C-alpha atoms as a PDB file:
ATOM      1  CA  UNK A   1      71.978 -28.039 -17.119  1.00  0.00           C
ATOM      2  CA  UNK A   2      74.692 -26.671 -19.378  1.00  0.00           C
ATOM      3  CA  UNK A   3      75.684 -23.152 -18.160  1.00  0.00           C
ATOM      4  CA  UNK A   4      76.330 -21.952 -21.729  1.00  0.00           C
ATOM      5  CA  UNK A   5      72.861 -23.052 -22.877  1.00  0.00           C
ATOM      6  CA  UNK A   6      71.303 -21.346 -19.857  1.00  0.00           C
ATOM      7  CA  UNK A   7      73.190 -18.146 -20.646  1.00  0.00           C
ATOM      8  CA  UNK A   8      72.113 -18.246 -24.309  1.00  0.00           C
ATOM      9  CA  UNK A   9      68.508 -18.893 -23.245  1.00  0.00           C
ATOM     10  CA  UNK A  10      68.617 -15.865 -20.935  1.00  0.00           C
ATOM     11  CA  UNK A  11      70.067 -13.821 -23.792  1.00  0.00           C
ATOM     12  CA  UNK A  12      67.236 -14.997 -26.066  1.00  0.00           C
ATOM     13  CA  UNK A  13      64.679 -13.887 -23.473  1.00  0.00           C
ATOM     14  CA  UNK A  14      66.394 -10.519 -23.142  1.00  0.00           C
ATOM     15  CA  UNK A  15      66.320 -10.083 -26.940  1.00  0.00           C
ATOM     16  CA  UNK A  16      62.623 -10.933 -26.852  1.00  0.00           C
ATOM     17  CA  UNK A  17      62.180  -8.255 -24.204  1.00  0.00           C
ATOM     18  CA  UNK A  18      64.039  -5.767 -26.404  1.00  0.00           C
ATOM     19  CA  UNK A  19      61.618  -6.451 -29.260  1.00  0.00           C
ATOM     20  CA  UNK A  20      58.581  -6.173 -26.987  1.00  0.00           C
ATOM     21  CA  UNK A  21      59.872  -2.941 -25.495  1.00  0.00           C
ATOM     22  CA  UNK A  22      60.469  -1.478 -28.953  1.00  0.00           C
ATOM     23  CA  UNK A  23      57.282  -2.463 -30.783  1.00  0.00           C
ATOM     24  CA  UNK A  24      54.899  -3.776 -28.089  1.00  0.00           C
ATOM     25  CA  UNK A  25      54.757  -7.397 -29.284  1.00  0.00           C
ATOM     26  CA  UNK A  26      56.798 -10.234 -30.772  1.00  0.00           C
ATOM     27  CA  UNK A  27      58.932 -11.443 -27.863  1.00  0.00           C
ATOM     28  CA  UNK A  28      58.043 -15.155 -28.407  1.00  0.00           C
ATOM     29  CA  UNK A  29      59.175 -14.891 -32.039  1.00  0.00           C
ATOM     30  CA  UNK A  30      62.733 -14.293 -30.818  1.00  0.00           C
ATOM     31  CA  UNK A  31      62.906 -16.263 -27.576  1.00  0.00           C
ATOM     32  CA  UNK A  32      61.047 -19.488 -28.416  1.00  0.00           C
ATOM     33  CA  UNK A  33      63.012 -20.459 -31.586  1.00  0.00           C
ATOM     34  CA  UNK A  34      66.414 -19.869 -29.930  1.00  0.00           C
ATOM     35  CA  UNK A  35      65.502 -21.868 -26.809  1.00  0.00           C
ATOM     36  CA  UNK A  36      64.004 -24.576 -29.050  1.00  0.00           C
ATOM     37  CA  UNK A  37      67.367 -24.937 -30.782  1.00  0.00           C
ATOM     38  CA  UNK A  38      69.165 -25.263 -27.450  1.00  0.00           C
ATOM     39  CA  UNK A  39      66.699 -27.670 -25.821  1.00  0.00           C
ATOM     40  CA  UNK A  40      63.337 -28.545 -27.431  1.00  0.00           C
ATOM     41  CA  UNK A  41      60.077 -26.918 -28.492  1.00  0.00           C
ATOM     42  CA  UNK A  42      58.102 -28.220 -25.452  1.00  0.00           C
ATOM     43  CA  UNK A  43      60.854 -26.902 -23.153  1.00  0.00           C
ATOM     44  CA  UNK A  44      60.860 -23.505 -24.876  1.00  0.00           C
ATOM     45  CA  UNK A  45      57.067 -23.171 -24.830  1.00  0.00           C
ATOM     46  CA  UNK A  46      56.789 -24.166 -21.168  1.00  0.00           C
ATOM     47  CA  UNK A  47      59.619 -21.894 -19.982  1.00  0.00           C
ATOM     48  CA  UNK A  48      58.136 -18.895 -21.800  1.00  0.00           C
ATOM     49  CA  UNK A  49      54.582 -19.188 -20.457  1.00  0.00           C
ATOM     50  CA  UNK A  50      55.025 -17.189 -17.244  1.00  0.00           C
ATOM     51  CA  UNK A  51      57.057 -14.328 -18.772  1.00  0.00           C
ATOM     52  CA  UNK A  52      54.413 -14.142 -21.494  1.00  0.00           C
ATOM     53  CA  UNK A  53      51.622 -14.070 -18.913  1.00  0.00           C
ATOM     54  CA  UNK A  54      53.220 -11.461 -16.659  1.00  0.00           C
ATOM     55  CA  UNK A  55      54.407  -9.123 -19.426  1.00  0.00           C
ATOM     56  CA  UNK A  56      50.955  -9.057 -21.010  1.00  0.00           C
ATOM     57  CA  UNK A  57      49.254  -8.688 -17.639  1.00  0.00           C
ATOM     58  CA  UNK A  58      51.378  -5.612 -17.020  1.00  0.00           C
ATOM     59  CA  UNK A  59      50.804  -4.143 -20.491  1.00  0.00           C
ATOM     60  CA  UNK A  60      47.106  -5.014 -20.420  1.00  0.00           C
ATOM     61  CA  UNK A  61      46.679  -3.123 -17.143  1.00  0.00           C
ATOM     62  CA  UNK A  62      48.802  -0.230 -18.384  1.00  0.00           C
ATOM     63  CA  UNK A  63      46.713   0.199 -21.577  1.00  0.00           C
ATOM     64  CA  UNK A  64      43.326  -0.957 -20.205  1.00  0.00           C
ATOM     65  CA  UNK A  65      41.653   2.399 -20.908  1.00  0.00           C
ATOM     66  CA  UNK A  66      42.493   2.160 -24.611  1.00  0.00           C
ATOM     67  CA  UNK A  67      40.406  -0.929 -25.385  1.00  0.00           C
ATOM     68  CA  UNK A  68      38.227   0.338 -28.253  1.00  0.00           C
ATOM     69  CA  UNK A  69      35.965  -2.694 -28.808  1.00  0.00           C
ATOM     70  CA  UNK A  70      35.582  -4.977 -25.754  1.00  0.00           C
ATOM     71  CA  UNK A  71      33.218  -7.365 -27.601  1.00  0.00           C
ATOM     72  CA  UNK A  72      35.709  -7.913 -30.436  1.00  0.00           C
ATOM     73  CA  UNK A  73      38.585  -8.350 -27.972  1.00  0.00           C
ATOM     74  CA  UNK A  74      36.657 -10.920 -25.897  1.00  0.00           C
ATOM     75  CA  UNK A  75      35.631 -13.006 -28.929  1.00  0.00           C
ATOM     76  CA  UNK A  76      39.179 -12.902 -30.300  1.00  0.00           C
ATOM     77  CA  UNK A  77      40.657 -13.834 -26.910  1.00  0.00           C
ATOM     78  CA  UNK A  78      38.207 -16.654 -26.096  1.00  0.00           C
ATOM     79  CA  UNK A  79      38.770 -18.252 -29.498  1.00  0.00           C
ATOM     80  CA  UNK A  80      42.518 -17.966 -28.908  1.00  0.00           C
ATOM     81  CA  UNK A  81      42.131 -19.694 -25.547  1.00  0.00           C
ATOM     82  CA  UNK A  82      40.326 -22.637 -27.150  1.00  0.00           C
ATOM     83  CA  UNK A  83      42.993 -22.853 -29.847  1.00  0.00           C
ATOM     84  CA  UNK A  84      45.756 -22.743 -27.244  1.00  0.00           C
ATOM     85  CA  UNK A  85      44.217 -25.710 -25.439  1.00  0.00           C
ATOM     86  CA  UNK A  86      44.071 -27.763 -28.641  1.00  0.00           C
ATOM     87  CA  UNK A  87      47.580 -26.665 -29.614  1.00  0.00           C
ATOM     88  CA  UNK A  88      48.967 -27.677 -26.227  1.00  0.00           C
ATOM     89  CA  UNK A  89      47.652 -31.214 -26.758  1.00  0.00           C
ATOM     90  CA  UNK A  90      49.377 -31.211 -30.169  1.00  0.00           C
ATOM     91  CA  UNK A  91      52.586 -30.080 -28.461  1.00  0.00           C
ATOM     92  CA  UNK A  92      52.493 -33.192 -26.297  1.00  0.00           C
ATOM     93  CA  UNK A  93      51.637 -35.545 -29.173  1.00  0.00           C
ATOM     94  CA  UNK A  94      53.680 -34.387 -32.186  1.00  0.00           C
ATOM     95  CA  UNK A  95      57.302 -35.501 -32.847  1.00  0.00           C
ATOM     96  CA  UNK A  96      60.152 -33.084 -32.080  1.00  0.00           C
ATOM     97  CA  UNK A  97      61.188 -32.564 -35.719  1.00  0.00           C
ATOM     98  CA  UNK A  98      57.658 -31.627 -36.768  1.00  0.00           C
ATOM     99  CA  UNK A  99      57.375 -29.185 -33.860  1.00  0.00           C
ATOM    100  CA  UNK A 100      60.628 -27.486 -34.950  1.00  0.00           C
ATOM    101  CA  UNK A 101      59.247 -27.158 -38.474  1.00  0.00           C
ATOM    102  CA  UNK A 102      56.046 -25.604 -37.077  1.00  0.00           C
ATOM    103  CA  UNK A 103      58.087 -23.026 -35.159  1.00  0.00           C
ATOM    104  CA  UNK A 104      60.297 -22.302 -38.190  1.00  0.00           C
ATOM    105  CA  UNK A 105      57.252 -21.891 -40.455  1.00  0.00           C
ATOM    106  CA  UNK A 106      55.646 -19.523 -37.952  1.00  0.00           C
ATOM    107  CA  UNK A 107      58.818 -17.412 -37.799  1.00  0.00           C
ATOM    108  CA  UNK A 108      59.080 -17.256 -41.601  1.00  0.00           C
ATOM    109  CA  UNK A 109      55.411 -16.310 -41.774  1.00  0.00           C
ATOM    110  CA  UNK A 110      56.045 -13.450 -39.367  1.00  0.00           C
ATOM    111  CA  UNK A 111      59.039 -12.309 -41.455  1.00  0.00           C
ATOM    112  CA  UNK A 112      56.904 -12.439 -44.602  1.00  0.00           C
ATOM    113  CA  UNK A 113      54.306 -10.216 -42.995  1.00  0.00           C
ATOM    114  CA  UNK A 114      56.864  -7.700 -41.767  1.00  0.00           C
ATOM    115  CA  UNK A 115      58.395  -7.489 -45.247  1.00  0.00           C
ATOM    116  CA  UNK A 116      55.085  -7.232 -47.062  1.00  0.00           C
ATOM    117  CA  UNK A 117      53.713  -4.419 -44.867  1.00  0.00           C
ATOM    118  CA  UNK A 118      50.233  -4.526 -46.417  1.00  0.00           C
ATOM    119  CA  UNK A 119      48.741  -1.070 -46.912  1.00  0.00           C
ATOM    120  CA  UNK A 120      45.101  -2.100 -47.040  1.00  0.00           C
ATOM    121  CA  UNK A 121      42.870  -1.783 -44.016  1.00  0.00           C
ATOM    122  CA  UNK A 122      40.391  -4.503 -43.078  1.00  0.00           C
ATOM    123  CA  UNK A 123      36.832  -3.318 -42.689  1.00  0.00           C
ATOM    124  CA  UNK A 124      35.271  -3.497 -39.228  1.00  0.00           C
ATOM    125  CA  UNK A 125      32.475  -5.839 -40.346  1.00  0.00           C
ATOM    126  CA  UNK A 126      34.941  -8.337 -41.804  1.00  0.00           C
ATOM    127  CA  UNK A 127      37.184  -8.197 -38.726  1.00  0.00           C
ATOM    128  CA  UNK A 128      34.234  -9.073 -36.485  1.00  0.00           C
ATOM    129  CA  UNK A 129      33.356 -12.078 -38.667  1.00  0.00           C
ATOM    130  CA  UNK A 130      36.963 -13.279 -38.674  1.00  0.00           C
ATOM    131  CA  UNK A 131      37.720 -12.663 -34.988  1.00  0.00           C
ATOM    132  CA  UNK A 132      36.781 -16.185 -33.844  1.00  0.00           C
ATOM    133  CA  UNK A 133      38.456 -18.278 -36.600  1.00  0.00           C
ATOM    134  CA  UNK A 134      41.587 -16.145 -36.677  1.00  0.00           C
ATOM    135  CA  UNK A 135      41.777 -16.152 -32.884  1.00  0.00           C
ATOM    136  CA  UNK A 136      41.468 -19.947 -32.828  1.00  0.00           C
ATOM    137  CA  UNK A 137      44.215 -20.361 -35.450  1.00  0.00           C
ATOM    138  CA  UNK A 138      46.498 -17.977 -33.551  1.00  0.00           C
ATOM    139  CA  UNK A 139      45.862 -19.904 -30.336  1.00  0.00           C
ATOM    140  CA  UNK A 140      46.569 -23.194 -32.108  1.00  0.00           C
ATOM    141  CA  UNK A 141      49.966 -21.896 -33.222  1.00  0.00           C
ATOM    142  CA  UNK A 142      50.659 -20.530 -29.751  1.00  0.00           C
ATOM    143  CA  UNK A 143      49.850 -23.828 -28.091  1.00  0.00           C
ATOM    144  CA  UNK A 144      51.710 -26.062 -30.546  1.00  0.00           C
ATOM    145  CA  UNK A 145      54.740 -23.879 -31.231  1.00  0.00           C
ATOM    146  CA  UNK A 146      54.716 -20.964 -28.792  1.00  0.00           C
ATOM    147  CA  UNK A 147      54.302 -18.343 -31.536  1.00  0.00           C
ATOM    148  CA  UNK A 148      50.998 -16.798 -32.665  1.00  0.00           C
ATOM    149  CA  UNK A 149      52.383 -13.590 -34.217  1.00  0.00           C
ATOM    150  CA  UNK A 150      52.071 -14.672 -37.894  1.00  0.00           C
ATOM    151  CA  UNK A 151      48.312 -14.859 -37.352  1.00  0.00           C
ATOM    152  CA  UNK A 152      47.441 -12.596 -34.411  1.00  0.00           C
ATOM    153  CA  UNK A 153      49.789  -9.681 -35.119  1.00  0.00           C
ATOM    154  CA  UNK A 154      49.098  -9.804 -38.882  1.00  0.00           C
ATOM    155  CA  UNK A 155      45.347  -9.721 -38.257  1.00  0.00           C
ATOM    156  CA  UNK A 156      45.426  -6.834 -35.775  1.00  0.00           C
ATOM    157  CA  UNK A 157      47.840  -4.838 -37.935  1.00  0.00           C
ATOM    158  CA  UNK A 158      45.429  -5.177 -40.851  1.00  0.00           C
ATOM    159  CA  UNK A 159      42.920  -3.288 -38.711  1.00  0.00           C
ATOM    160  CA  UNK A 160      45.316  -0.309 -38.514  1.00  0.00           C
ATOM    161  CA  UNK A 161      44.804   0.017 -34.766  1.00  0.00           C
ATOM    162  CA  UNK A 162      46.560   2.759 -32.867  1.00  0.00           C
ATOM    163  CA  UNK A 163      49.482   1.425 -30.806  1.00  0.00           C
ATOM    164  CA  UNK A 164      47.688   1.726 -27.412  1.00  0.00           C
ATOM    165  CA  UNK A 165      44.565  -0.013 -28.796  1.00  0.00           C
ATOM    166  CA  UNK A 166      46.721  -2.722 -30.396  1.00  0.00           C
ATOM    167  CA  UNK A 167      48.589  -3.406 -27.134  1.00  0.00           C
ATOM    168  CA  UNK A 168      45.365  -3.491 -25.080  1.00  0.00           C
ATOM    169  CA  UNK A 169      43.758  -5.966 -27.511  1.00  0.00           C
ATOM    170  CA  UNK A 170      46.762  -8.257 -27.996  1.00  0.00           C
ATOM    171  CA  UNK A 171      47.405  -8.337 -24.238  1.00  0.00           C
ATOM    172  CA  UNK A 172      43.903  -9.688 -23.539  1.00  0.00           C
ATOM    173  CA  UNK A 173      44.418 -12.264 -26.306  1.00  0.00           C
ATOM    174  CA  UNK A 174      47.678 -13.518 -24.768  1.00  0.00           C
ATOM    175  CA  UNK A 175      46.267 -13.479 -21.243  1.00  0.00           C
ATOM    176  CA  UNK A 176      43.313 -15.654 -22.274  1.00  0.00           C
ATOM    177  CA  UNK A 177      45.619 -18.135 -24.016  1.00  0.00           C
ATOM    178  CA  UNK A 178      47.926 -18.281 -20.989  1.00  0.00           C
ATOM    179  CA  UNK A 179      44.974 -18.966 -18.684  1.00  0.00           C
ATOM    180  CA  UNK A 180      44.278 -22.154 -20.671  1.00  0.00           C
ATOM    181  CA  UNK A 181      47.813 -23.013 -21.732  1.00  0.00           C
ATOM    182  CA  UNK A 182      49.440 -23.077 -18.276  1.00  0.00           C
ATOM    183  CA  UNK A 183      47.074 -25.580 -16.566  1.00  0.00           C
ATOM    184  CA  UNK A 184      46.940 -27.681 -19.749  1.00  0.00           C
ATOM    185  CA  UNK A 185      50.731 -27.925 -19.936  1.00  0.00           C
ATOM    186  CA  UNK A 186      50.848 -28.876 -16.241  1.00  0.00           C
ATOM    187  CA  UNK A 187      48.194 -31.570 -16.749  1.00  0.00           C
ATOM    188  CA  UNK A 188      50.072 -32.968 -19.765  1.00  0.00           C
ATOM    189  CA  UNK A 189      53.331 -33.134 -17.799  1.00  0.00           C
ATOM    190  CA  UNK A 190      55.092 -30.611 -20.071  1.00  0.00           C
ATOM    191  CA  UNK A 191      55.287 -27.779 -17.522  1.00  0.00           C
ATOM    192  CA  UNK A 192      57.184 -29.682 -14.829  1.00  0.00           C
ATOM    193  CA  UNK A 193      58.175 -28.168 -11.445  1.00  0.00           C
ATOM    194  CA  UNK A 194      61.719 -27.626 -12.743  1.00  0.00           C
ATOM    195  CA  UNK A 195      60.482 -25.843 -15.872  1.00  0.00           C
ATOM    196  CA  UNK A 196      58.039 -23.819 -13.779  1.00  0.00           C
ATOM    197  CA  UNK A 197      60.956 -22.593 -11.659  1.00  0.00           C
ATOM    198  CA  UNK A 198      62.933 -21.710 -14.791  1.00  0.00           C
ATOM    199  CA  UNK A 199      59.866 -19.943 -16.184  1.00  0.00           C
ATOM    200  CA  UNK A 200      59.718 -17.758 -13.063  1.00  0.00           C
ATOM    201  CA  UNK A 201      63.409 -16.900 -13.473  1.00  0.00           C
ATOM    202  CA  UNK A 202      62.873 -16.230 -17.202  1.00  0.00           C
ATOM    203  CA  UNK A 203      60.751 -13.249 -16.180  1.00  0.00           C
ATOM    204  CA  UNK A 204      63.933 -11.346 -15.207  1.00  0.00           C
ATOM    205  CA  UNK A 205      65.851 -11.188 -18.533  1.00  0.00           C
ATOM    206  CA  UNK A 206      62.662 -10.545 -20.507  1.00  0.00           C
ATOM    207  CA  UNK A 207      61.693  -7.543 -18.395  1.00  0.00           C
ATOM    208  CA  UNK A 208      65.322  -6.433 -18.287  1.00  0.00           C
ATOM    209  CA  UNK A 209      65.309  -6.205 -22.087  1.00  0.00           C
ATOM    210  CA  UNK A 210      62.110  -4.169 -22.390  1.00  0.00           C
ATOM    211  CA  UNK A 211      63.596  -0.800 -21.272  1.00  0.00           C
ATOM    212  CA  UNK A 212      66.483  -1.388 -23.698  1.00  0.00           C
ATOM    213  CA  UNK A 213      63.993  -1.864 -26.525  1.00  0.00           C
ATOM    214  CA  UNK A 214      62.159   1.316 -25.536  1.00  0.00           C
ATOM    215  CA  UNK A 215      65.483   3.190 -25.568  1.00  0.00           C
ATOM    216  CA  UNK A 216      66.448   1.774 -28.983  1.00  0.00           C
ATOM    217  CA  UNK A 217      63.064   2.776 -30.371  1.00  0.00           C
ATOM    218  CA  UNK A 218      63.803   6.369 -29.367  1.00  0.00           C
ATOM    219  CA  UNK A 219      67.370   6.479 -30.730  1.00  0.00           C
ATOM    220  CA  UNK A 220      67.298   4.346 -33.889  1.00  0.00           C
ATOM    221  CA  UNK A 221      64.947   4.314 -36.838  1.00  0.00           C
ATOM    222  CA  UNK A 222      62.244   1.648 -36.905  1.00  0.00           C
ATOM    223  CA  UNK A 223      63.576   0.463 -40.282  1.00  0.00           C
ATOM    224  CA  UNK A 224      67.095  -0.159 -38.938  1.00  0.00           C
ATOM    225  CA  UNK A 225      65.792  -2.036 -35.912  1.00  0.00           C
ATOM    226  CA  UNK A 226      63.442  -4.133 -38.048  1.00  0.00           C
ATOM    227  CA  UNK A 227      66.208  -5.035 -40.509  1.00  0.00           C
ATOM    228  CA  UNK A 228      68.533  -6.337 -37.805  1.00  0.00           C
ATOM    229  CA  UNK A 229      65.789  -8.318 -36.081  1.00  0.00           C
ATOM    230  CA  UNK A 230      64.508  -9.863 -39.312  1.00  0.00           C
ATOM    231  CA  UNK A 231      68.003 -11.030 -40.288  1.00  0.00           C
ATOM    232  CA  UNK A 232      68.372 -12.631 -36.871  1.00  0.00           C
ATOM    233  CA  UNK A 233      64.966 -14.310 -37.094  1.00  0.00           C
ATOM    234  CA  UNK A 234      65.583 -15.624 -40.617  1.00  0.00           C
ATOM    235  CA  UNK A 235      68.885 -17.157 -39.481  1.00  0.00           C
ATOM    236  CA  UNK A 236      67.159 -18.863 -36.557  1.00  0.00           C
ATOM    237  CA  UNK A 237      64.293 -20.144 -38.728  1.00  0.00           C
ATOM    238  CA  UNK A 238      66.606 -21.723 -41.302  1.00  0.00           C
ATOM    239  CA  UNK A 239      68.715 -23.261 -38.538  1.00  0.00           C
ATOM    240  CA  UNK A 240      65.552 -24.834 -37.088  1.00  0.00           C
ATOM    241  CA  UNK A 241      64.638 -26.251 -40.497  1.00  0.00           C
ATOM    242  CA  UNK A 242      68.181 -27.597 -40.949  1.00  0.00           C
ATOM    243  CA  UNK A 243      68.118 -29.251 -37.512  1.00  0.00           C
ATOM    244  CA  UNK A 244      64.698 -30.799 -38.167  1.00  0.00           C
ATOM    245  CA  UNK A 245      65.834 -32.244 -41.490  1.00  0.00           C
ATOM    246  CA  UNK A 246      68.978 -33.912 -40.117  1.00  0.00           C
END
């Protein structure tokens, strides 16, 4: 494999770790599009599965006492797991250009949410009714493109959860999706032994970036950090669209 592409992939994972360390979520939004540009969407999704699993396992354990509504979290997570299974099958079946457009659309959706910053708060009754369909849609995006943030993060932010409650809930959601996604990708021949080895190694730069993100969050304003990250993500998204259209 090209050493430069490997280095840039490791850098993408580290940047994803920086974002996760700073805000508690969003690492796939950075890492998956960059790796997709260098290789392919199936490669990016498969290489990111273990870092995603391990980082959320760690955060889920760390914030386990802050889970406010176990029933809501379980419904949301189980629906996400089903969606991830369906999305993984789509990942194996859809053409490369369409997959790149799915990833780019997901990134732009995430940017749109971050810019809009809705001030309204979803009522508890409505959130419980929407937990299953929204969880399924988030899982579908995660399975097909490696990014669920436009749906999952938007939904949970609309609930105005405290940061510890948000991290506990989103961690269970990602863990449930990973539990389905990993064996499905192996069965479909997408997560090959070589990619599994790279996925294990990918754990290192991601976790190396998380303390950096925590440090940046303490020393720079959230607005400055968000602005830089959104410019980077928009550039990546438009490059994905350009590559898919060629």
